[in-house]
């Protein structure tokens, strides 16, 4: 009984640690996925000219000389 309730590693502390471990494993998977996506994106930017152009057009709203650029923003809720 003593170890179940009053010990430093009691039952409730173990439950908290298990839930924390589960959350940490999930966040680890999320960050590993993000790292893989960012590495692929970085690799594309280094070696793929069309990816560089696409990134510049989307991120910095760049355009070619013979093009018109229209920016559509969603309406804000009042």
PDB file of N, CA and C in Angstrom:
ATOM      1  N   UNK A   1       0.818  -1.191   0.000  1.00  0.00           N
ATOM      2  CA  UNK A   1       0.000   0.000   0.000  1.00  0.00           C
ATOM      3  C   UNK A   1       0.861   1.254   0.000  1.00  0.00           C
ATOM      4  N   UNK A   2       1.944   1.200   0.738  1.00  0.00           N
ATOM      5  CA  UNK A   2       2.816   2.365   0.831  1.00  0.00           C
ATOM      6  C   UNK A   2       3.332   2.765  -0.540  1.00  0.00           C
ATOM      7  N   UNK A   3       3.786   1.806  -1.329  1.00  0.00           N
ATOM      8  CA  UNK A   3       4.346   2.090  -2.653  1.00  0.00           C
ATOM      9  C   UNK A   3       3.258   2.528  -3.636  1.00  0.00           C
ATOM     10  N   UNK A   4       2.048   2.092  -3.414  1.00  0.00           N
ATOM     11  CA  UNK A   4       0.956   2.426  -4.314  1.00  0.00           C
ATOM     12  C   UNK A   4       0.555   3.889  -4.188  1.00  0.00           C
ATOM     13  N   UNK A   5       0.597   4.458  -2.997  1.00  0.00           N
ATOM     14  CA  UNK A   5       0.121   5.825  -2.788  1.00  0.00           C
ATOM     15  C   UNK A   5       1.197   6.831  -2.384  1.00  0.00           C
ATOM     16  N   UNK A   6       2.150   6.436  -1.563  1.00  0.00           N
ATOM     17  CA  UNK A   6       3.028   7.405  -0.933  1.00  0.00           C
ATOM     18  C   UNK A   6       4.460   7.414  -1.455  1.00  0.00           C
ATOM     19  N   UNK A   7       4.829   6.462  -2.226  1.00  0.00           N
ATOM     20  CA  UNK A   7       6.197   6.367  -2.715  1.00  0.00           C
ATOM     21  C   UNK A   7       6.472   7.462  -3.746  1.00  0.00           C
ATOM     22  N   UNK A   8       7.740   7.716  -3.981  1.00  0.00           N
ATOM     23  CA  UNK A   8       8.153   8.713  -4.965  1.00  0.00           C
ATOM     24  C   UNK A   8       7.670   8.335  -6.371  1.00  0.00           C
ATOM     25  N   UNK A   9       7.633   7.051  -6.658  1.00  0.00           N
ATOM     26  CA  UNK A   9       7.160   6.552  -7.949  1.00  0.00           C
ATOM     27  C   UNK A   9       5.803   5.868  -7.802  1.00  0.00           C
ATOM     28  N   UNK A  10       4.861   6.566  -7.221  1.00  0.00           N
ATOM     29  CA  UNK A  10       3.552   5.963  -6.990  1.00  0.00           C
ATOM     30  C   UNK A  10       2.777   5.761  -8.294  1.00  0.00           C
ATOM     31  N   UNK A  11       1.634   5.158  -8.184  1.00  0.00           N
ATOM     32  CA  UNK A  11       0.816   4.783  -9.333  1.00  0.00           C
ATOM     33  C   UNK A  11       0.414   6.005 -10.166  1.00  0.00           C
ATOM     34  N   UNK A  12       0.014   7.061  -9.517  1.00  0.00           N
ATOM     35  CA  UNK A  12      -0.467   8.244 -10.226  1.00  0.00           C
ATOM     36  C   UNK A  12       0.662   8.968 -10.949  1.00  0.00           C
ATOM     37  N   UNK A  13       1.811   8.983 -10.357  1.00  0.00           N
ATOM     38  CA  UNK A  13       2.979   9.565 -11.017  1.00  0.00           C
ATOM     39  C   UNK A  13       3.337   8.760 -12.252  1.00  0.00           C
ATOM     40  N   UNK A  14       3.248   7.451 -12.160  1.00  0.00           N
ATOM     41  CA  UNK A  14       3.533   6.597 -13.314  1.00  0.00           C
ATOM     42  C   UNK A  14       2.538   6.849 -14.442  1.00  0.00           C
ATOM     43  N   UNK A  15       1.266   7.041 -14.120  1.00  0.00           N
ATOM     44  CA  UNK A  15       0.261   7.351 -15.144  1.00  0.00           C
ATOM     45  C   UNK A  15       0.571   8.674 -15.841  1.00  0.00           C
ATOM     46  N   UNK A  16       0.950   9.673 -15.058  1.00  0.00           N
ATOM     47  CA  UNK A  16       1.310  10.973 -15.635  1.00  0.00           C
ATOM     48  C   UNK A  16       2.513  10.838 -16.560  1.00  0.00           C
ATOM     49  N   UNK A  17       3.490  10.082 -16.132  1.00  0.00           N
ATOM     50  CA  UNK A  17       4.694   9.900 -16.945  1.00  0.00           C
ATOM     51  C   UNK A  17       4.392   9.141 -18.230  1.00  0.00           C
ATOM     52  N   UNK A  18       3.505   8.162 -18.184  1.00  0.00           N
ATOM     53  CA  UNK A  18       3.124   7.426 -19.396  1.00  0.00           C
ATOM     54  C   UNK A  18       2.408   8.330 -20.384  1.00  0.00           C
ATOM     55  N   UNK A  19       1.517   9.174 -19.883  1.00  0.00           N
ATOM     56  CA  UNK A  19       0.808  10.087 -20.787  1.00  0.00           C
ATOM     57  C   UNK A  19       1.763  11.117 -21.372  1.00  0.00           C
ATOM     58  N   UNK A  20       2.711  11.579 -20.570  1.00  0.00           N
ATOM     59  CA  UNK A  20       3.714  12.516 -21.068  1.00  0.00           C
ATOM     60  C   UNK A  20       4.595  11.859 -22.125  1.00  0.00           C
ATOM     61  N   UNK A  21       4.959  10.608 -21.902  1.00  0.00           N
ATOM     62  CA  UNK A  21       5.762   9.871 -22.876  1.00  0.00           C
ATOM     63  C   UNK A  21       5.009   9.697 -24.191  1.00  0.00           C
ATOM     64  N   UNK A  22       3.733   9.403 -24.109  1.00  0.00           N
ATOM     65  CA  UNK A  22       2.913   9.259 -25.313  1.00  0.00           C
ATOM     66  C   UNK A  22       2.868  10.567 -26.095  1.00  0.00           C
ATOM     67  N   UNK A  23       2.672  11.688 -25.405  1.00  0.00           N
ATOM     68  CA  UNK A  23       2.654  12.996 -26.057  1.00  0.00           C
ATOM     69  C   UNK A  23       4.004  13.300 -26.702  1.00  0.00           C
ATOM     70  N   UNK A  24       5.076  12.974 -26.017  1.00  0.00           N
ATOM     71  CA  UNK A  24       6.405  13.228 -26.561  1.00  0.00           C
ATOM     72  C   UNK A  24       6.679  12.384 -27.801  1.00  0.00           C
ATOM     73  N   UNK A  25       6.212  11.153 -27.814  1.00  0.00           N
ATOM     74  CA  UNK A  25       6.382  10.308 -28.994  1.00  0.00           C
ATOM     75  C   UNK A  25       5.601  10.850 -30.175  1.00  0.00           C
ATOM     76  N   UNK A  26       4.403  11.354 -29.915  1.00  0.00           N
ATOM     77  CA  UNK A  26       3.603  11.939 -30.988  1.00  0.00           C
ATOM     78  C   UNK A  26       4.264  13.198 -31.541  1.00  0.00           C
ATOM     79  N   UNK A  27       4.779  14.028 -30.673  1.00  0.00           N
ATOM     80  CA  UNK A  27       5.443  15.243 -31.149  1.00  0.00           C
ATOM     81  C   UNK A  27       6.730  14.889 -31.892  1.00  0.00           C
ATOM     82  N   UNK A  28       7.412  13.833 -31.470  1.00  0.00           N
ATOM     83  CA  UNK A  28       8.614  13.399 -32.173  1.00  0.00           C
ATOM     84  C   UNK A  28       8.274  12.974 -33.594  1.00  0.00           C
ATOM     85  N   UNK A  29       7.191  12.218 -33.761  1.00  0.00           N
ATOM     86  CA  UNK A  29       6.762  11.814 -35.097  1.00  0.00           C
ATOM     87  C   UNK A  29       6.415  13.023 -35.953  1.00  0.00           C
ATOM     88  N   UNK A  30       5.718  13.990 -35.366  1.00  0.00           N
ATOM     89  CA  UNK A  30       5.340  15.200 -36.096  1.00  0.00           C
ATOM     90  C   UNK A  30       6.594  15.945 -36.572  1.00  0.00           C
ATOM     91  N   UNK A  31       7.554  16.132 -35.689  1.00  0.00           N
ATOM     92  CA  UNK A  31       8.755  16.874 -36.054  1.00  0.00           C
ATOM     93  C   UNK A  31       9.629  16.114 -37.046  1.00  0.00           C
ATOM     94  N   UNK A  32       9.668  14.801 -36.953  1.00  0.00           N
ATOM     95  CA  UNK A  32      10.409  14.024 -37.941  1.00  0.00           C
ATOM     96  C   UNK A  32       9.781  14.166 -39.318  1.00  0.00           C
ATOM     97  N   UNK A  33       8.466  14.183 -39.370  1.00  0.00           N
ATOM     98  CA  UNK A  33       7.761  14.387 -40.639  1.00  0.00           C
ATOM     99  C   UNK A  33       8.057  15.783 -41.194  1.00  0.00           C
ATOM    100  N   UNK A  34       8.029  16.796 -40.336  1.00  0.00           N
ATOM    101  CA  UNK A  34       8.320  18.161 -40.770  1.00  0.00           C
ATOM    102  C   UNK A  34       9.757  18.283 -41.273  1.00  0.00           C
ATOM    103  N   UNK A  35      10.678  17.643 -40.613  1.00  0.00           N
ATOM    104  CA  UNK A  35      12.078  17.683 -41.036  1.00  0.00           C
ATOM    105  C   UNK A  35      12.239  17.034 -42.402  1.00  0.00           C
ATOM    106  N   UNK A  36      11.577  15.909 -42.623  1.00  0.00           N
ATOM    107  CA  UNK A  36      11.657  15.238 -43.922  1.00  0.00           C
ATOM    108  C   UNK A  36      11.084  16.117 -45.032  1.00  0.00           C
ATOM    109  N   UNK A  37       9.948  16.764 -44.767  1.00  0.00           N
ATOM    110  CA  UNK A  37       9.348  17.654 -45.762  1.00  0.00           C
ATOM    111  C   UNK A  37      10.258  18.844 -46.046  1.00  0.00           C
ATOM    112  N   UNK A  38      10.847  19.418 -45.010  1.00  0.00           N
ATOM    113  CA  UNK A  38      11.730  20.567 -45.201  1.00  0.00           C
ATOM    114  C   UNK A  38      13.007  20.191 -45.942  1.00  0.00           C
ATOM    115  N   UNK A  39      13.528  19.005 -45.683  1.00  0.00           N
ATOM    116  CA  UNK A  39      14.713  18.549 -46.417  1.00  0.00           C
ATOM    117  C   UNK A  39      14.399  18.373 -47.892  1.00  0.00           C
ATOM    118  N   UNK A  40      13.242  17.797 -48.198  1.00  0.00           N
ATOM    119  CA  UNK A  40      12.832  17.620 -49.592  1.00  0.00           C
ATOM    120  C   UNK A  40      12.662  18.981 -50.267  1.00  0.00           C
ATOM    121  N   UNK A  41      12.006  19.903 -49.560  1.00  0.00           N
ATOM    122  CA  UNK A  41      11.803  21.249 -50.103  1.00  0.00           C
ATOM    123  C   UNK A  41      13.132  21.948 -50.333  1.00  0.00           C
ATOM    124  N   UNK A  42      14.049  21.827 -49.387  1.00  0.00           N
ATOM    125  CA  UNK A  42      15.372  22.432 -49.524  1.00  0.00           C
ATOM    126  C   UNK A  42      16.127  21.834 -50.703  1.00  0.00           C
ATOM    127  N   UNK A  43      16.045  20.534 -50.854  1.00  0.00           N
ATOM    128  CA  UNK A  43      16.699  19.861 -51.971  1.00  0.00           C
ATOM    129  C   UNK A  43      16.107  20.339 -53.302  1.00  0.00           C
ATOM    130  N   UNK A  44      14.778  20.481 -53.351  1.00  0.00           N
ATOM    131  CA  UNK A  44      14.135  20.980 -54.570  1.00  0.00           C
ATOM    132  C   UNK A  44      14.598  22.397 -54.887  1.00  0.00           C
ATOM    133  N   UNK A  45      14.710  23.237 -53.877  1.00  0.00           N
ATOM    134  CA  UNK A  45      15.138  24.621 -54.119  1.00  0.00           C
ATOM    135  C   UNK A  45      16.586  24.687 -54.604  1.00  0.00           C
ATOM    136  N   UNK A  46      17.402  23.745 -54.203  1.00  0.00           N
ATOM    137  CA  UNK A  46      18.790  23.774 -54.619  1.00  0.00           C
ATOM    138  C   UNK A  46      18.980  23.312 -56.056  1.00  0.00           C
ATOM    139  N   UNK A  47      18.175  22.353 -56.511  1.00  0.00           N
ATOM    140  CA  UNK A  47      18.453  21.720 -57.789  1.00  0.00           C
ATOM    141  C   UNK A  47      17.331  21.828 -58.821  1.00  0.00           C
ATOM    142  N   UNK A  48      16.190  22.386 -58.468  1.00  0.00           N
ATOM    143  CA  UNK A  48      15.061  22.420 -59.376  1.00  0.00           C
ATOM    144  C   UNK A  48      14.672  23.871 -59.661  1.00  0.00           C
ATOM    145  N   UNK A  49      14.880  24.318 -60.900  1.00  0.00           N
ATOM    146  CA  UNK A  49      14.615  25.711 -61.260  1.00  0.00           C
ATOM    147  C   UNK A  49      13.129  26.037 -61.185  1.00  0.00           C
ATOM    148  N   UNK A  50      12.278  25.109 -61.559  1.00  0.00           N
ATOM    149  CA  UNK A  50      10.841  25.385 -61.512  1.00  0.00           C
ATOM    150  C   UNK A  50      10.354  25.519 -60.063  1.00  0.00           C
ATOM    151  N   UNK A  51      10.962  24.787 -59.137  1.00  0.00           N
ATOM    152  CA  UNK A  51      10.595  24.915 -57.727  1.00  0.00           C
ATOM    153  C   UNK A  51      11.019  26.275 -57.187  1.00  0.00           C
ATOM    154  N   UNK A  52      12.164  26.767 -57.623  1.00  0.00           N
ATOM    155  CA  UNK A  52      12.615  28.097 -57.203  1.00  0.00           C
ATOM    156  C   UNK A  52      11.641  29.158 -57.708  1.00  0.00           C
ATOM    157  N   UNK A  53      11.239  29.040 -58.972  1.00  0.00           N
ATOM    158  CA  UNK A  53      10.303  30.002 -59.547  1.00  0.00           C
ATOM    159  C   UNK A  53       8.955  29.945 -58.822  1.00  0.00           C
ATOM    160  N   UNK A  54       8.465  28.754 -58.556  1.00  0.00           N
ATOM    161  CA  UNK A  54       7.193  28.597 -57.858  1.00  0.00           C
ATOM    162  C   UNK A  54       7.255  29.223 -56.470  1.00  0.00           C
ATOM    163  N   UNK A  55       8.351  28.980 -55.756  1.00  0.00           N
ATOM    164  CA  UNK A  55       8.514  29.542 -54.411  1.00  0.00           C
ATOM    165  C   UNK A  55       8.547  31.063 -54.459  1.00  0.00           C
ATOM    166  N   UNK A  56       9.289  31.616 -55.402  1.00  0.00           N
ATOM    167  CA  UNK A  56       9.395  33.073 -55.515  1.00  0.00           C
ATOM    168  C   UNK A  56       8.043  33.681 -55.865  1.00  0.00           C
ATOM    169  N   UNK A  57       7.298  33.036 -56.744  1.00  0.00           N
ATOM    170  CA  UNK A  57       5.986  33.555 -57.124  1.00  0.00           C
ATOM    171  C   UNK A  57       5.014  33.520 -55.950  1.00  0.00           C
ATOM    172  N   UNK A  58       5.009  32.438 -55.194  1.00  0.00           N
ATOM    173  CA  UNK A  58       4.058  32.308 -54.097  1.00  0.00           C
ATOM    174  C   UNK A  58       4.460  33.115 -52.872  1.00  0.00           C
ATOM    175  N   UNK A  59       5.699  33.056 -52.509  1.00  0.00           N
ATOM    176  CA  UNK A  59       6.149  33.685 -51.262  1.00  0.00           C
ATOM    177  C   UNK A  59       6.340  35.198 -51.416  1.00  0.00           C
ATOM    178  N   UNK A  60       6.988  35.604 -52.501  1.00  0.00           N
ATOM    179  CA  UNK A  60       7.348  37.012 -52.664  1.00  0.00           C
ATOM    180  C   UNK A  60       6.503  37.717 -53.720  1.00  0.00           C
ATOM    181  N   UNK A  61       5.473  37.044 -54.232  1.00  0.00           N
ATOM    182  CA  UNK A  61       4.550  37.603 -55.205  1.00  0.00           C
ATOM    183  C   UNK A  61       5.272  38.200 -56.404  1.00  0.00           C
ATOM    184  N   UNK A  62       6.271  37.498 -56.885  1.00  0.00           N
ATOM    185  CA  UNK A  62       7.012  37.940 -58.054  1.00  0.00           C
ATOM    186  C   UNK A  62       6.257  37.532 -59.312  1.00  0.00           C
ATOM    187  N   UNK A  63       6.515  38.263 -60.387  1.00  0.00           N
ATOM    188  CA  UNK A  63       5.844  37.968 -61.645  1.00  0.00           C
ATOM    189  C   UNK A  63       6.799  38.220 -62.795  1.00  0.00           C
ATOM    190  N   UNK A  64       6.413  37.698 -63.945  1.00  0.00           N
ATOM    191  CA  UNK A  64       7.185  37.973 -65.152  1.00  0.00           C
ATOM    192  C   UNK A  64       6.765  39.319 -65.715  1.00  0.00           C
ATOM    193  N   UNK A  65       7.549  39.835 -66.653  1.00  0.00           N
ATOM    194  CA  UNK A  65       7.265  41.159 -67.206  1.00  0.00           C
ATOM    195  C   UNK A  65       5.934  41.213 -67.950  1.00  0.00           C
ATOM    196  N   UNK A  66       5.548  40.156 -68.604  1.00  0.00           N
ATOM    197  CA  UNK A  66       4.333  40.181 -69.413  1.00  0.00           C
ATOM    198  C   UNK A  66       3.111  39.637 -68.671  1.00  0.00           C
ATOM    199  N   UNK A  67       3.151  39.570 -67.352  1.00  0.00           N
ATOM    200  CA  UNK A  67       2.041  39.023 -66.575  1.00  0.00           C
ATOM    201  C   UNK A  67       1.444  40.088 -65.669  1.00  0.00           C
ATOM    202  N   UNK A  68       0.174  39.862 -65.321  1.00  0.00           N
ATOM    203  CA  UNK A  68      -0.491  40.667 -64.304  1.00  0.00           C
ATOM    204  C   UNK A  68      -0.690  39.800 -63.075  1.00  0.00           C
ATOM    205  N   UNK A  69      -0.574  40.407 -61.917  1.00  0.00           N
ATOM    206  CA  UNK A  69      -0.692  39.673 -60.666  1.00  0.00           C
ATOM    207  C   UNK A  69      -1.910  40.174 -59.912  1.00  0.00           C
ATOM    208  N   UNK A  70      -2.823  39.276 -59.599  1.00  0.00           N
ATOM    209  CA  UNK A  70      -4.011  39.599 -58.827  1.00  0.00           C
ATOM    210  C   UNK A  70      -3.938  38.865 -57.497  1.00  0.00           C
ATOM    211  N   UNK A  71      -4.043  39.614 -56.417  1.00  0.00           N
ATOM    212  CA  UNK A  71      -3.982  39.037 -55.081  1.00  0.00           C
ATOM    213  C   UNK A  71      -5.383  39.069 -54.493  1.00  0.00           C
ATOM    214  N   UNK A  72      -5.906  37.897 -54.160  1.00  0.00           N
ATOM    215  CA  UNK A  72      -7.251  37.792 -53.607  1.00  0.00           C
ATOM    216  C   UNK A  72      -7.119  37.399 -52.140  1.00  0.00           C
ATOM    217  N   UNK A  73      -7.658  38.251 -51.281  1.00  0.00           N
ATOM    218  CA  UNK A  73      -7.607  37.980 -49.852  1.00  0.00           C
ATOM    219  C   UNK A  73      -9.007  37.661 -49.351  1.00  0.00           C
ATOM    220  N   UNK A  74      -9.137  36.722 -48.438  1.00  0.00           N
ATOM    221  CA  UNK A  74     -10.478  36.407 -47.906  1.00  0.00           C
ATOM    222  C   UNK A  74     -11.006  37.544 -47.056  1.00  0.00           C
ATOM    223  N   UNK A  75     -12.324  37.661 -47.031  1.00  0.00           N
ATOM    224  CA  UNK A  75     -12.962  38.693 -46.221  1.00  0.00           C
ATOM    225  C   UNK A  75     -12.815  38.364 -44.746  1.00  0.00           C
ATOM    226  N   UNK A  76     -12.613  39.396 -43.941  1.00  0.00           N
ATOM    227  CA  UNK A  76     -12.514  39.189 -42.499  1.00  0.00           C
ATOM    228  C   UNK A  76     -13.912  39.168 -41.902  1.00  0.00           C
ATOM    229  N   UNK A  77     -14.123  38.319 -40.919  1.00  0.00           N
ATOM    230  CA  UNK A  77     -15.420  38.252 -40.243  1.00  0.00           C
ATOM    231  C   UNK A  77     -15.543  39.424 -39.274  1.00  0.00           C
ATOM    232  N   UNK A  78     -16.716  39.996 -39.246  1.00  0.00           N
ATOM    233  CA  UNK A  78     -16.943  41.144 -38.356  1.00  0.00           C
ATOM    234  C   UNK A  78     -17.657  40.721 -37.099  1.00  0.00           C
TER     235      UNK A  78
END
